[in-house]
Amino acid sequence: MGTLRLTLLRHGRAQPNDSCPEDYDRALTRSGTIEAQEMASRLVYRRLIPDLVLASPAERTWATASIVASACEIDPKQILGVRDLYLATADIIWGQIRRRNWHAHHLLIVGHNPGLSQLASRFGPDPKYRDLPSAGLATALWHNASWITLRPEAASSCDLDDPESMADLWA
C-alpha cells in the first residue's frame, strides 16, 4: 500500500478517418505530434514521470506514448502495448489497471475517447464530467492504495491539462 498516481492521456490529433483503410493505422498529424511533445514536456516539467506506460497499440496512440516515453526517458521495456485498450470503454480500461498489482507508483494509460474521458469523469469523491481533447490528460492520486483494490471515486485529487490550456495552470 502506498501513494499511487494514474495518468490518462488521450492520443494527439490524428489523420481523418477517411485517410486510412483501417482506423487502427491512423497516424498523428503534424499538430498531433506537437501536442504530444507539449504534454510530454509538461509531464517532465512537473516531475510526473510514469514508472510504467500501458498504451493502445494503434498507430496514433503508440506514437503519442513513444513521444512521452522519450521525453521522460522511460526504458522501452516499461512501455506495454495492450490490444484491449484500442477504443476501450471506461470499464475495460479500469479492468486493465486493476488486472494486477503493478510494480509502479505512477501508471500512464495512453488511449482513446470516449473511454478515457468517461473514466476520468469518475475520479474523486465528487465525480464530474471531464472531456479530454486531443492530447488532453487527467492525473489522479490515491493514498494508501494498491492497484488491485483501487476505486475511481477514492481518488484524492484529479487534475486536468491539455495542449490548449495555459502551461502554468497546475504547476
Foldseek 3Di string as FASTA:
>chain_A
DFKAKEKEWEFFAWDDPVPDPDPLAIAHDPRRLVFLLVLLVLCVVVVVQWQAEEEANRRRQVSSVVSNCVSSVHDPVRYHHDNCQEVHALVSVLCVQLVDQDPIRYYYYYHHPPRQQVNLQLAELDGHGDDADHRKMKMFMAGPDTRNPDDRHRTPDIDIDGPVDDSVPPD
